[in-house]
Amino acid sequence: MSSDLDTFTMLPLQIDPQTKALTTTSNSRALQAELAALNTFHRSLLGLETPNQVPPPPVPVNPKRSANVNKLRDSGSAEYRKGKYADAVKFYSLGLQMALTRPLWEPQQLVREEIATLYANRAQAHMALQSWAEGAADAEASVEAKRVGNPKAWWRRGKCLMEMGRLAEAKEWVAKGLEMESEEGELVAMLKDINTRLEEKEKASS
């Protein structure tokens, strides 16, 4: 029985003689996604301002970018405390843009930590504006970046779903959150609230 290591597959790849970008005539989405990521990485290397366009060591991280991300996050939080929620959203969005465009060779764990916080904060600002759908999407993005140790994001998406009347979905979401966050108090209270509302809804319809 042959394994993947014993099998050779000829892929229909072409390389642009000028840009050196790789393309394929294959309909495989996985292959196209891999080539798109490879071409993006190649373009980022070409844009390096280093001798011979060689990537720097993975550490230390660019301190200027880290400082700018933190400054934008803090500015967003300052605007939130002033009640200027739309401005807070703008600052968090700028911080996300800067964090998500870090060079690909920088530690991905750092990126995940940064965007988890920024998405969670922007979700809170959206909630203050009663933009429940946007808040739910941001809180979910925060959880995708950091599933454990992120109870606020789990709670915020649950709250947004409740406000939109999506109680069954909120119940499922919060239950998953409790699996990750070990019976976190606010999530436990939220699940009880959801169950109470579902029971009242069922009684009203019967």
N, C-alpha and C. Protein backbone atom coordinates (compact mmCIF):
# COMPACT_ATOMS: atom_id res chain seq x y z
N MET A 1 0.86 -1.20 0.00
CA MET A 1 0.00 0.00 0.00
C MET A 1 0.88 1.24 0.00
N SER A 2 0.67 2.12 -0.96
CA SER A 2 1.53 3.31 -1.08
C SER A 2 1.05 4.40 -0.14
N SER A 3 2.00 5.18 0.37
CA SER A 3 1.69 6.34 1.21
C SER A 3 1.86 7.60 0.39
N ASP A 4 1.53 8.74 1.00
CA ASP A 4 1.70 10.02 0.31
C ASP A 4 3.16 10.26 -0.06
N LEU A 5 4.07 9.74 0.76
CA LEU A 5 5.49 9.95 0.50
C LEU A 5 5.96 9.14 -0.70
N ASP A 6 5.20 8.12 -1.10
CA ASP A 6 5.59 7.29 -2.24
C ASP A 6 4.97 7.77 -3.54
N THR A 7 4.11 8.80 -3.45
CA THR A 7 3.37 9.24 -4.63
C THR A 7 3.87 10.58 -5.11
N PHE A 8 4.13 10.70 -6.39
CA PHE A 8 4.55 11.97 -6.99
C PHE A 8 3.44 12.47 -7.90
N THR A 9 3.00 13.70 -7.66
CA THR A 9 1.94 14.29 -8.47
C THR A 9 2.48 15.49 -9.22
N MET A 10 2.38 15.46 -10.53
CA MET A 10 2.81 16.59 -11.35
C MET A 10 1.72 17.66 -11.33
N LEU A 11 2.06 18.85 -10.84
CA LEU A 11 1.08 19.93 -10.76
C LEU A 11 1.26 20.90 -11.92
N PRO A 12 0.14 21.40 -12.48
CA PRO A 12 0.22 22.34 -13.61
C PRO A 12 0.56 23.75 -13.14
N LEU A 13 1.84 24.01 -12.94
CA LEU A 13 2.28 25.32 -12.43
C LEU A 13 2.98 26.11 -13.53
N GLN A 14 2.77 27.42 -13.50
CA GLN A 14 3.48 28.32 -14.40
C GLN A 14 4.11 29.42 -13.57
N ILE A 15 5.24 29.95 -14.04
CA ILE A 15 5.90 31.05 -13.35
C ILE A 15 6.05 32.22 -14.31
N ASP A 16 5.66 33.39 -13.85
CA ASP A 16 5.78 34.59 -14.65
C ASP A 16 7.26 34.97 -14.73
N PRO A 17 7.81 35.12 -15.94
CA PRO A 17 9.24 35.38 -16.07
C PRO A 17 9.67 36.73 -15.48
N GLN A 18 8.74 37.67 -15.38
CA GLN A 18 9.10 38.99 -14.84
C GLN A 18 8.86 39.09 -13.34
N THR A 19 7.63 38.77 -12.91
CA THR A 19 7.29 38.92 -11.49
C THR A 19 7.68 37.70 -10.67
N LYS A 20 7.92 36.56 -11.34
CA LYS A 20 8.22 35.28 -10.69
C LYS A 20 7.03 34.73 -9.90
N ALA A 21 5.85 35.27 -10.15
CA ALA A 21 4.65 34.78 -9.46
C ALA A 21 4.25 33.43 -10.03
N LEU A 22 3.80 32.54 -9.14
CA LEU A 22 3.36 31.21 -9.54
C LEU A 22 1.85 31.19 -9.76
N THR A 23 1.41 30.54 -10.83
CA THR A 23 -0.01 30.39 -11.11
C THR A 23 -0.28 28.93 -11.50
N THR A 24 -1.55 28.58 -11.54
CA THR A 24 -1.92 27.22 -11.89
C THR A 24 -3.24 27.21 -12.65
N THR A 25 -3.40 26.23 -13.50
CA THR A 25 -4.67 26.04 -14.22
C THR A 25 -5.57 25.05 -13.47
N SER A 26 -5.06 24.54 -12.36
CA SER A 26 -5.83 23.58 -11.57
C SER A 26 -7.02 24.27 -10.90
N ASN A 27 -8.11 23.54 -10.72
CA ASN A 27 -9.29 24.06 -10.03
C ASN A 27 -9.22 23.83 -8.52
N SER A 28 -8.11 23.29 -8.05
CA SER A 28 -7.97 23.00 -6.62
C SER A 28 -7.89 24.30 -5.82
N ARG A 29 -8.87 24.52 -4.96
CA ARG A 29 -8.86 25.73 -4.13
C ARG A 29 -7.70 25.71 -3.14
N ALA A 30 -7.38 24.53 -2.63
CA ALA A 30 -6.28 24.41 -1.67
C ALA A 30 -4.96 24.82 -2.32
N LEU A 31 -4.74 24.35 -3.56
CA LEU A 31 -3.52 24.70 -4.27
C LEU A 31 -3.48 26.19 -4.58
N GLN A 32 -4.60 26.75 -5.02
CA GLN A 32 -4.65 28.18 -5.32
C GLN A 32 -4.39 29.03 -4.09
N ALA A 33 -4.91 28.58 -2.94
CA ALA A 33 -4.69 29.32 -1.70
C ALA A 33 -3.22 29.27 -1.30
N GLU A 34 -2.60 28.09 -1.47
CA GLU A 34 -1.19 27.96 -1.13
C GLU A 34 -0.32 28.85 -2.03
N LEU A 35 -0.64 28.89 -3.31
CA LEU A 35 0.13 29.73 -4.23
C LEU A 35 -0.07 31.21 -3.93
N ALA A 36 -1.30 31.59 -3.56
CA ALA A 36 -1.56 33.00 -3.22
C ALA A 36 -0.73 33.41 -2.01
N ALA A 37 -0.67 32.53 -1.00
CA ALA A 37 0.13 32.83 0.20
C ALA A 37 1.62 32.91 -0.15
N LEU A 38 2.08 32.00 -1.01
CA LEU A 38 3.48 31.99 -1.41
C LEU A 38 3.84 33.25 -2.19
N ASN A 39 2.95 33.67 -3.10
CA ASN A 39 3.20 34.88 -3.89
C ASN A 39 3.19 36.12 -3.01
N THR A 40 2.31 36.15 -2.01
CA THR A 40 2.27 37.28 -1.08
C THR A 40 3.57 37.37 -0.30
N PHE A 41 4.05 36.23 0.16
CA PHE A 41 5.31 36.19 0.90
C PHE A 41 6.47 36.64 0.01
N HIS A 42 6.44 36.21 -1.24
CA HIS A 42 7.50 36.59 -2.18
C HIS A 42 7.52 38.10 -2.39
N ARG A 43 6.32 38.69 -2.56
CA ARG A 43 6.25 40.15 -2.75
C ARG A 43 6.74 40.90 -1.51
N SER A 44 6.47 40.35 -0.33
CA SER A 44 6.93 41.01 0.89
C SER A 44 8.46 40.97 0.99
N LEU A 45 9.07 39.89 0.51
CA LEU A 45 10.52 39.80 0.50
C LEU A 45 11.12 40.81 -0.47
N LEU A 46 10.46 40.98 -1.61
CA LEU A 46 10.97 41.93 -2.61
C LEU A 46 10.92 43.36 -2.09
N GLY A 47 10.02 43.63 -1.16
CA GLY A 47 9.88 44.98 -0.63
C GLY A 47 10.76 45.27 0.56
N LEU A 48 11.63 44.32 0.92
CA LEU A 48 12.49 44.51 2.09
C LEU A 48 13.53 45.60 1.85
N GLU A 49 13.77 46.37 2.88
CA GLU A 49 14.81 47.39 2.82
C GLU A 49 16.01 46.89 3.62
N THR A 50 16.48 45.71 3.28
CA THR A 50 17.63 45.11 3.94
C THR A 50 18.63 44.68 2.86
N PRO A 51 19.91 44.51 3.24
CA PRO A 51 20.90 44.08 2.26
C PRO A 51 20.51 42.78 1.57
N ASN A 52 20.53 42.79 0.26
CA ASN A 52 20.23 41.61 -0.56
C ASN A 52 18.81 41.09 -0.32
N GLN A 53 17.94 41.94 0.24
CA GLN A 53 16.54 41.58 0.50
C GLN A 53 16.42 40.29 1.30
N VAL A 54 17.28 40.15 2.29
CA VAL A 54 17.27 38.98 3.16
C VAL A 54 16.45 39.30 4.41
N PRO A 55 15.50 38.42 4.78
CA PRO A 55 14.69 38.70 5.98
C PRO A 55 15.56 38.79 7.23
N PRO A 56 15.22 39.68 8.14
CA PRO A 56 15.95 39.75 9.41
C PRO A 56 15.62 38.55 10.27
N PRO A 57 16.36 38.32 11.35
CA PRO A 57 16.01 37.23 12.26
C PRO A 57 14.59 37.41 12.80
N PRO A 58 13.90 36.32 13.16
CA PRO A 58 12.51 36.42 13.61
C PRO A 58 12.35 37.22 14.90
N VAL A 59 13.41 37.34 15.67
CA VAL A 59 13.38 38.19 16.87
C VAL A 59 14.62 39.06 16.87
N PRO A 60 14.56 40.25 17.42
CA PRO A 60 13.40 40.83 18.09
C PRO A 60 12.37 41.34 17.09
N VAL A 61 11.15 41.49 17.58
CA VAL A 61 10.06 42.02 16.77
C VAL A 61 10.29 43.51 16.57
N ASN A 62 9.82 44.02 15.42
CA ASN A 62 9.94 45.45 15.14
C ASN A 62 9.30 46.26 16.26
N PRO A 63 10.09 46.98 17.06
CA PRO A 63 9.52 47.68 18.22
C PRO A 63 8.61 48.84 17.82
N LYS A 64 8.88 49.45 16.68
CA LYS A 64 8.06 50.59 16.24
C LYS A 64 6.64 50.14 15.93
N ARG A 65 6.51 49.02 15.23
CA ARG A 65 5.17 48.54 14.90
C ARG A 65 4.42 48.15 16.18
N SER A 66 5.11 47.46 17.09
CA SER A 66 4.47 47.08 18.34
C SER A 66 4.00 48.30 19.12
N ALA A 67 4.84 49.33 19.15
CA ALA A 67 4.49 50.56 19.87
C ALA A 67 3.28 51.24 19.23
N ASN A 68 3.24 51.23 17.90
CA ASN A 68 2.12 51.86 17.19
C ASN A 68 0.82 51.10 17.41
N VAL A 69 0.90 49.77 17.39
CA VAL A 69 -0.30 48.96 17.65
C VAL A 69 -0.83 49.25 19.05
N ASN A 70 0.07 49.28 20.03
CA ASN A 70 -0.33 49.55 21.41
C ASN A 70 -0.91 50.96 21.56
N LYS A 71 -0.30 51.92 20.86
CA LYS A 71 -0.78 53.30 20.94
C LYS A 71 -2.18 53.44 20.36
N LEU A 72 -2.42 52.78 19.24
CA LEU A 72 -3.76 52.83 18.63
C LEU A 72 -4.79 52.14 19.51
N ARG A 73 -4.40 51.03 20.13
CA ARG A 73 -5.32 50.34 21.05
C ARG A 73 -5.64 51.23 22.24
N ASP A 74 -4.62 51.86 22.82
CA ASP A 74 -4.84 52.73 23.98
C ASP A 74 -5.67 53.95 23.61
N SER A 75 -5.45 54.48 22.41
CA SER A 75 -6.24 55.63 21.96
C SER A 75 -7.70 55.24 21.79
N GLY A 76 -7.94 54.04 21.26
CA GLY A 76 -9.31 53.56 21.13
C GLY A 76 -9.97 53.41 22.49
N SER A 77 -9.24 52.89 23.46
CA SER A 77 -9.79 52.71 24.80
C SER A 77 -10.08 54.06 25.45
N ALA A 78 -9.21 55.05 25.19
CA ALA A 78 -9.43 56.39 25.75
C ALA A 78 -10.71 57.01 25.17
N GLU A 79 -10.92 56.83 23.86
CA GLU A 79 -12.13 57.36 23.23
C GLU A 79 -13.37 56.64 23.75
N TYR A 80 -13.23 55.34 24.00
CA TYR A 80 -14.36 54.58 24.53
C TYR A 80 -14.77 55.11 25.90
N ARG A 81 -13.76 55.37 26.74
CA ARG A 81 -14.06 55.87 28.08
C ARG A 81 -14.73 57.25 28.04
N LYS A 82 -14.46 58.01 26.98
CA LYS A 82 -15.09 59.33 26.82
C LYS A 82 -16.50 59.22 26.26
N GLY A 83 -16.90 58.00 25.88
CA GLY A 83 -18.21 57.82 25.27
C GLY A 83 -18.21 58.06 23.77
N LYS A 84 -17.02 58.22 23.18
CA LYS A 84 -16.90 58.43 21.74
C LYS A 84 -16.67 57.08 21.07
N TYR A 85 -17.75 56.31 21.00
CA TYR A 85 -17.63 54.92 20.57
C TYR A 85 -17.26 54.77 19.09
N ALA A 86 -17.77 55.63 18.24
CA ALA A 86 -17.44 55.55 16.81
C ALA A 86 -15.95 55.83 16.60
N ASP A 87 -15.41 56.79 17.34
CA ASP A 87 -13.98 57.09 17.23
C ASP A 87 -13.16 55.93 17.77
N ALA A 88 -13.66 55.29 18.83
CA ALA A 88 -12.96 54.11 19.36
C ALA A 88 -12.87 53.02 18.31
N VAL A 89 -13.97 52.80 17.59
CA VAL A 89 -13.99 51.80 16.52
C VAL A 89 -12.91 52.12 15.48
N LYS A 90 -12.77 53.38 15.13
CA LYS A 90 -11.78 53.79 14.12
C LYS A 90 -10.36 53.47 14.59
N PHE A 91 -10.06 53.81 15.84
CA PHE A 91 -8.71 53.54 16.35
C PHE A 91 -8.43 52.04 16.42
N TYR A 92 -9.40 51.27 16.89
CA TYR A 92 -9.20 49.81 16.95
C TYR A 92 -9.01 49.24 15.55
N SER A 93 -9.74 49.79 14.58
CA SER A 93 -9.62 49.31 13.19
C SER A 93 -8.23 49.59 12.64
N LEU A 94 -7.69 50.77 12.95
CA LEU A 94 -6.33 51.10 12.50
C LEU A 94 -5.31 50.18 13.17
N GLY A 95 -5.53 49.89 14.44
CA GLY A 95 -4.64 48.97 15.14
C GLY A 95 -4.67 47.58 14.53
N LEU A 96 -5.87 47.12 14.18
CA LEU A 96 -6.00 45.81 13.54
C LEU A 96 -5.28 45.78 12.20
N GLN A 97 -5.45 46.85 11.43
CA GLN A 97 -4.79 46.90 10.12
C GLN A 97 -3.28 46.80 10.27
N MET A 98 -2.74 47.48 11.28
CA MET A 98 -1.29 47.45 11.48
C MET A 98 -0.84 46.09 11.99
N ALA A 99 -1.61 45.48 12.89
CA ALA A 99 -1.23 44.18 13.42
C ALA A 99 -1.30 43.09 12.36
N LEU A 100 -2.33 43.17 11.51
CA LEU A 100 -2.53 42.12 10.50
C LEU A 100 -1.57 42.22 9.33
N THR A 101 -0.86 43.34 9.22
CA THR A 101 0.10 43.49 8.12
C THR A 101 1.54 43.35 8.60
N ARG A 102 1.72 42.72 9.75
CA ARG A 102 3.08 42.43 10.18
C ARG A 102 3.74 41.51 9.15
N PRO A 103 5.04 41.62 8.96
CA PRO A 103 5.74 40.70 8.04
C PRO A 103 5.50 39.25 8.44
N LEU A 104 5.42 38.38 7.45
CA LEU A 104 5.04 36.99 7.69
C LEU A 104 6.05 36.22 8.54
N TRP A 105 7.28 36.73 8.64
CA TRP A 105 8.27 36.01 9.42
C TRP A 105 8.23 36.37 10.91
N GLU A 106 7.43 37.35 11.28
CA GLU A 106 7.32 37.69 12.69
C GLU A 106 6.43 36.67 13.40
N PRO A 107 6.62 36.47 14.70
CA PRO A 107 5.88 35.42 15.43
C PRO A 107 4.37 35.56 15.31
N GLN A 108 3.73 34.50 14.84
CA GLN A 108 2.28 34.54 14.66
C GLN A 108 1.54 34.59 15.99
N GLN A 109 2.15 34.07 17.05
CA GLN A 109 1.50 34.14 18.36
C GLN A 109 1.33 35.59 18.80
N LEU A 110 2.31 36.43 18.47
CA LEU A 110 2.21 37.86 18.80
C LEU A 110 1.03 38.48 18.06
N VAL A 111 0.90 38.15 16.78
CA VAL A 111 -0.21 38.69 15.98
C VAL A 111 -1.54 38.26 16.57
N ARG A 112 -1.66 36.98 16.94
CA ARG A 112 -2.92 36.47 17.49
C ARG A 112 -3.28 37.19 18.78
N GLU A 113 -2.29 37.43 19.64
CA GLU A 113 -2.56 38.13 20.90
C GLU A 113 -3.04 39.55 20.63
N GLU A 114 -2.38 40.22 19.70
CA GLU A 114 -2.75 41.61 19.39
C GLU A 114 -4.16 41.70 18.83
N ILE A 115 -4.44 40.87 17.84
CA ILE A 115 -5.75 41.01 17.18
C ILE A 115 -6.87 40.48 18.07
N ALA A 116 -6.57 39.52 18.96
CA ALA A 116 -7.60 39.03 19.88
C ALA A 116 -8.08 40.18 20.76
N THR A 117 -7.15 40.96 21.27
CA THR A 117 -7.51 42.10 22.13
C THR A 117 -8.22 43.18 21.34
N LEU A 118 -7.70 43.51 20.16
CA LEU A 118 -8.29 44.59 19.36
C LEU A 118 -9.69 44.24 18.88
N TYR A 119 -9.89 43.00 18.44
CA TYR A 119 -11.23 42.59 18.01
C TYR A 119 -12.21 42.61 19.19
N ALA A 120 -11.76 42.15 20.36
CA ALA A 120 -12.63 42.14 21.52
C ALA A 120 -13.00 43.57 21.93
N ASN A 121 -12.02 44.47 21.88
CA ASN A 121 -12.29 45.87 22.23
C ASN A 121 -13.23 46.52 21.22
N ARG A 122 -13.01 46.22 19.94
CA ARG A 122 -13.88 46.83 18.93
C ARG A 122 -15.29 46.27 19.03
N ALA A 123 -15.40 45.00 19.42
CA ALA A 123 -16.73 44.41 19.64
C ALA A 123 -17.46 45.18 20.73
N GLN A 124 -16.75 45.52 21.80
CA GLN A 124 -17.36 46.27 22.90
C GLN A 124 -17.83 47.64 22.43
N ALA A 125 -17.03 48.30 21.59
CA ALA A 125 -17.42 49.61 21.06
C ALA A 125 -18.65 49.49 20.16
N HIS A 126 -18.69 48.46 19.34
CA HIS A 126 -19.87 48.22 18.50
C HIS A 126 -21.11 47.99 19.37
N MET A 127 -20.95 47.27 20.45
CA MET A 127 -22.06 46.99 21.34
C MET A 127 -22.59 48.28 21.97
N ALA A 128 -21.67 49.19 22.31
CA ALA A 128 -22.09 50.47 22.87
C ALA A 128 -22.90 51.28 21.86
N LEU A 129 -22.63 51.04 20.57
CA LEU A 129 -23.38 51.69 19.50
C LEU A 129 -24.63 50.88 19.11
N GLN A 130 -24.84 49.77 19.82
CA GLN A 130 -25.93 48.84 19.52
C GLN A 130 -25.83 48.27 18.11
N SER A 131 -24.61 48.15 17.63
CA SER A 131 -24.35 47.50 16.34
C SER A 131 -24.07 46.02 16.65
N TRP A 132 -25.15 45.30 16.91
CA TRP A 132 -25.02 43.94 17.44
C TRP A 132 -24.38 42.98 16.46
N ALA A 133 -24.71 43.08 15.19
CA ALA A 133 -24.14 42.15 14.19
C ALA A 133 -22.64 42.35 14.08
N GLU A 134 -22.22 43.62 14.02
CA GLU A 134 -20.78 43.92 13.93
C GLU A 134 -20.05 43.47 15.20
N GLY A 135 -20.69 43.70 16.34
CA GLY A 135 -20.08 43.26 17.59
C GLY A 135 -19.93 41.76 17.67
N ALA A 136 -20.95 41.05 17.20
CA ALA A 136 -20.90 39.58 17.21
C ALA A 136 -19.77 39.07 16.31
N ALA A 137 -19.61 39.70 15.15
CA ALA A 137 -18.57 39.27 14.21
C ALA A 137 -17.18 39.52 14.79
N ASP A 138 -16.99 40.68 15.43
CA ASP A 138 -15.69 40.99 16.00
C ASP A 138 -15.35 40.08 17.18
N ALA A 139 -16.34 39.82 18.03
CA ALA A 139 -16.10 38.94 19.17
C ALA A 139 -15.74 37.54 18.71
N GLU A 140 -16.39 37.07 17.66
CA GLU A 140 -16.07 35.75 17.12
C GLU A 140 -14.65 35.73 16.55
N ALA A 141 -14.26 36.82 15.87
CA ALA A 141 -12.91 36.90 15.32
C ALA A 141 -11.87 36.89 16.45
N SER A 142 -12.20 37.54 17.56
CA SER A 142 -11.30 37.53 18.71
C SER A 142 -11.12 36.11 19.25
N VAL A 143 -12.22 35.38 19.35
CA VAL A 143 -12.16 34.00 19.85
C VAL A 143 -11.38 33.11 18.88
N GLU A 144 -11.54 33.34 17.59
CA GLU A 144 -10.80 32.53 16.62
C GLU A 144 -9.29 32.74 16.78
N ALA A 145 -8.90 33.96 17.15
CA ALA A 145 -7.48 34.24 17.36
C ALA A 145 -6.99 33.69 18.69
N LYS A 146 -7.88 33.66 19.69
CA LYS A 146 -7.48 33.20 21.03
C LYS A 146 -8.69 32.56 21.70
N ARG A 147 -8.75 31.24 21.66
CA ARG A 147 -9.94 30.53 22.13
C ARG A 147 -9.96 30.38 23.65
N VAL A 148 -8.81 30.27 24.27
CA VAL A 148 -8.73 30.06 25.72
C VAL A 148 -8.13 31.29 26.38
N GLY A 149 -8.67 31.65 27.55
CA GLY A 149 -8.20 32.84 28.23
C GLY A 149 -8.74 34.11 27.62
N ASN A 150 -9.92 34.02 27.03
CA ASN A 150 -10.53 35.16 26.36
C ASN A 150 -12.02 35.22 26.69
N PRO A 151 -12.38 35.19 27.99
CA PRO A 151 -13.80 35.10 28.36
C PRO A 151 -14.63 36.30 27.92
N LYS A 152 -14.01 37.49 27.87
CA LYS A 152 -14.77 38.68 27.49
C LYS A 152 -15.31 38.56 26.07
N ALA A 153 -14.49 38.02 25.17
CA ALA A 153 -14.94 37.88 23.78
C ALA A 153 -16.06 36.85 23.68
N TRP A 154 -15.93 35.73 24.41
CA TRP A 154 -17.01 34.75 24.43
C TRP A 154 -18.30 35.39 24.93
N TRP A 155 -18.21 36.16 26.01
CA TRP A 155 -19.39 36.80 26.60
C TRP A 155 -19.99 37.82 25.64
N ARG A 156 -19.15 38.62 25.00
CA ARG A 156 -19.65 39.70 24.14
C ARG A 156 -20.40 39.16 22.94
N ARG A 157 -19.91 38.10 22.33
CA ARG A 157 -20.68 37.53 21.21
C ARG A 157 -22.00 36.95 21.72
N GLY A 158 -21.95 36.29 22.88
CA GLY A 158 -23.19 35.77 23.44
C GLY A 158 -24.21 36.87 23.67
N LYS A 159 -23.75 38.01 24.20
CA LYS A 159 -24.64 39.14 24.46
C LYS A 159 -25.22 39.69 23.16
N CYS A 160 -24.39 39.81 22.14
CA CYS A 160 -24.86 40.31 20.84
C CYS A 160 -25.92 39.39 20.25
N LEU A 161 -25.69 38.09 20.33
CA LEU A 161 -26.66 37.13 19.81
C LEU A 161 -27.98 37.24 20.57
N MET A 162 -27.90 37.43 21.88
CA MET A 162 -29.12 37.60 22.67
C MET A 162 -29.88 38.85 22.24
N GLU A 163 -29.16 39.93 22.04
CA GLU A 163 -29.80 41.18 21.65
C GLU A 163 -30.46 41.08 20.28
N MET A 164 -29.94 40.20 19.45
CA MET A 164 -30.53 39.99 18.12
C MET A 164 -31.65 38.94 18.16
N GLY A 165 -31.93 38.41 19.35
CA GLY A 165 -32.99 37.43 19.48
C GLY A 165 -32.60 36.03 19.05
N ARG A 166 -31.32 35.78 18.87
CA ARG A 166 -30.86 34.46 18.42
C ARG A 166 -30.47 33.64 19.65
N LEU A 167 -31.48 33.30 20.44
CA LEU A 167 -31.24 32.69 21.75
C LEU A 167 -30.64 31.28 21.66
N ALA A 168 -31.15 30.48 20.74
CA ALA A 168 -30.63 29.11 20.60
C ALA A 168 -29.15 29.14 20.21
N GLU A 169 -28.83 30.04 19.30
CA GLU A 169 -27.43 30.16 18.87
C GLU A 169 -26.57 30.69 20.01
N ALA A 170 -27.12 31.63 20.78
CA ALA A 170 -26.40 32.18 21.93
C ALA A 170 -26.13 31.09 22.96
N LYS A 171 -27.11 30.23 23.19
CA LYS A 171 -26.94 29.14 24.16
C LYS A 171 -25.81 28.21 23.74
N GLU A 172 -25.80 27.84 22.48
CA GLU A 172 -24.75 26.95 21.97
C GLU A 172 -23.38 27.61 22.08
N TRP A 173 -23.33 28.90 21.76
CA TRP A 173 -22.06 29.64 21.80
C TRP A 173 -21.52 29.72 23.23
N VAL A 174 -22.37 30.10 24.16
CA VAL A 174 -21.93 30.26 25.55
C VAL A 174 -21.53 28.91 26.14
N ALA A 175 -22.23 27.86 25.77
CA ALA A 175 -21.86 26.52 26.25
C ALA A 175 -20.45 26.15 25.79
N LYS A 176 -20.14 26.49 24.55
CA LYS A 176 -18.77 26.24 24.05
C LYS A 176 -17.77 27.08 24.83
N GLY A 177 -18.17 28.33 25.11
CA GLY A 177 -17.28 29.20 25.86
C GLY A 177 -16.97 28.65 27.25
N LEU A 178 -17.96 28.05 27.88
CA LEU A 178 -17.75 27.47 29.20
C LEU A 178 -16.81 26.26 29.15
N GLU A 179 -16.85 25.54 28.04
CA GLU A 179 -15.92 24.43 27.87
C GLU A 179 -14.48 24.93 27.82
N MET A 180 -14.30 26.10 27.23
CA MET A 180 -12.96 26.67 27.07
C MET A 180 -12.50 27.43 28.31
N GLU A 181 -13.44 28.07 28.99
CA GLU A 181 -13.08 29.00 30.06
C GLU A 181 -13.35 28.47 31.47
N SER A 182 -13.63 27.18 31.60
CA SER A 182 -13.73 26.53 32.91
C SER A 182 -14.73 27.21 33.84
N GLU A 183 -15.99 27.24 33.42
CA GLU A 183 -17.07 27.73 34.27
C GLU A 183 -16.86 29.18 34.72
N GLU A 184 -16.43 30.03 33.79
CA GLU A 184 -16.24 31.45 34.10
C GLU A 184 -17.57 32.07 34.53
N GLY A 185 -17.53 32.86 35.62
CA GLY A 185 -18.75 33.32 36.28
C GLY A 185 -19.74 34.04 35.39
N GLU A 186 -19.28 35.01 34.59
CA GLU A 186 -20.19 35.79 33.76
C GLU A 186 -20.84 34.93 32.68
N LEU A 187 -20.10 33.95 32.19
CA LEU A 187 -20.66 33.05 31.18
C LEU A 187 -21.70 32.12 31.81
N VAL A 188 -21.45 31.68 33.03
CA VAL A 188 -22.43 30.84 33.73
C VAL A 188 -23.73 31.61 33.93
N ALA A 189 -23.60 32.87 34.36
CA ALA A 189 -24.78 33.70 34.58
C ALA A 189 -25.53 33.96 33.27
N MET A 190 -24.78 34.16 32.20
CA MET A 190 -25.41 34.41 30.91
C MET A 190 -26.18 33.18 30.44
N LEU A 191 -25.60 32.00 30.62
CA LEU A 191 -26.27 30.77 30.19
C LEU A 191 -27.58 30.59 30.95
N LYS A 192 -27.57 30.90 32.23
CA LYS A 192 -28.81 30.80 33.02
C LYS A 192 -29.86 31.77 32.49
N ASP A 193 -29.42 32.98 32.16
CA ASP A 193 -30.33 33.99 31.62
C ASP A 193 -30.94 33.53 30.29
N ILE A 194 -30.08 32.95 29.45
CA ILE A 194 -30.55 32.46 28.15
C ILE A 194 -31.58 31.35 28.33
N ASN A 195 -31.28 30.42 29.23
CA ASN A 195 -32.21 29.30 29.47
C ASN A 195 -33.55 29.81 29.99
N THR A 196 -33.51 30.81 30.85
CA THR A 196 -34.75 31.39 31.38
C THR A 196 -35.57 32.01 30.25
N ARG A 197 -34.90 32.73 29.38
CA ARG A 197 -35.60 33.38 28.26
C ARG A 197 -36.18 32.35 27.29
N LEU A 198 -35.44 31.28 27.06
CA LEU A 198 -35.93 30.23 26.18
C LEU A 198 -37.17 29.56 26.76
N GLU A 199 -37.14 29.34 28.09
CA GLU A 199 -38.30 28.73 28.74
C GLU A 199 -39.52 29.65 28.65
N GLU A 200 -39.29 30.95 28.87
CA GLU A 200 -40.40 31.91 28.78
C GLU A 200 -40.95 31.98 27.36
N LYS A 201 -40.05 31.90 26.39
CA LYS A 201 -40.47 31.93 25.00
C LYS A 201 -41.31 30.71 24.65
N GLU A 202 -40.89 29.55 25.18
CA GLU A 202 -41.61 28.30 24.90
C GLU A 202 -42.99 28.33 25.55
N LYS A 203 -43.08 28.87 26.78
CA LYS A 203 -44.36 28.96 27.46
C LYS A 203 -45.31 29.90 26.73
N ALA A 204 -44.74 31.01 26.21
CA ALA A 204 -45.57 31.99 25.52
C ALA A 204 -46.13 31.44 24.22
N SER A 205 -45.39 30.53 23.60
CA SER A 205 -45.84 29.99 22.31
C SER A 205 -46.74 28.77 22.47
N SER A 206 -46.81 28.21 23.68
CA SER A 206 -47.63 27.01 23.89
C SER A 206 -49.04 27.36 24.33
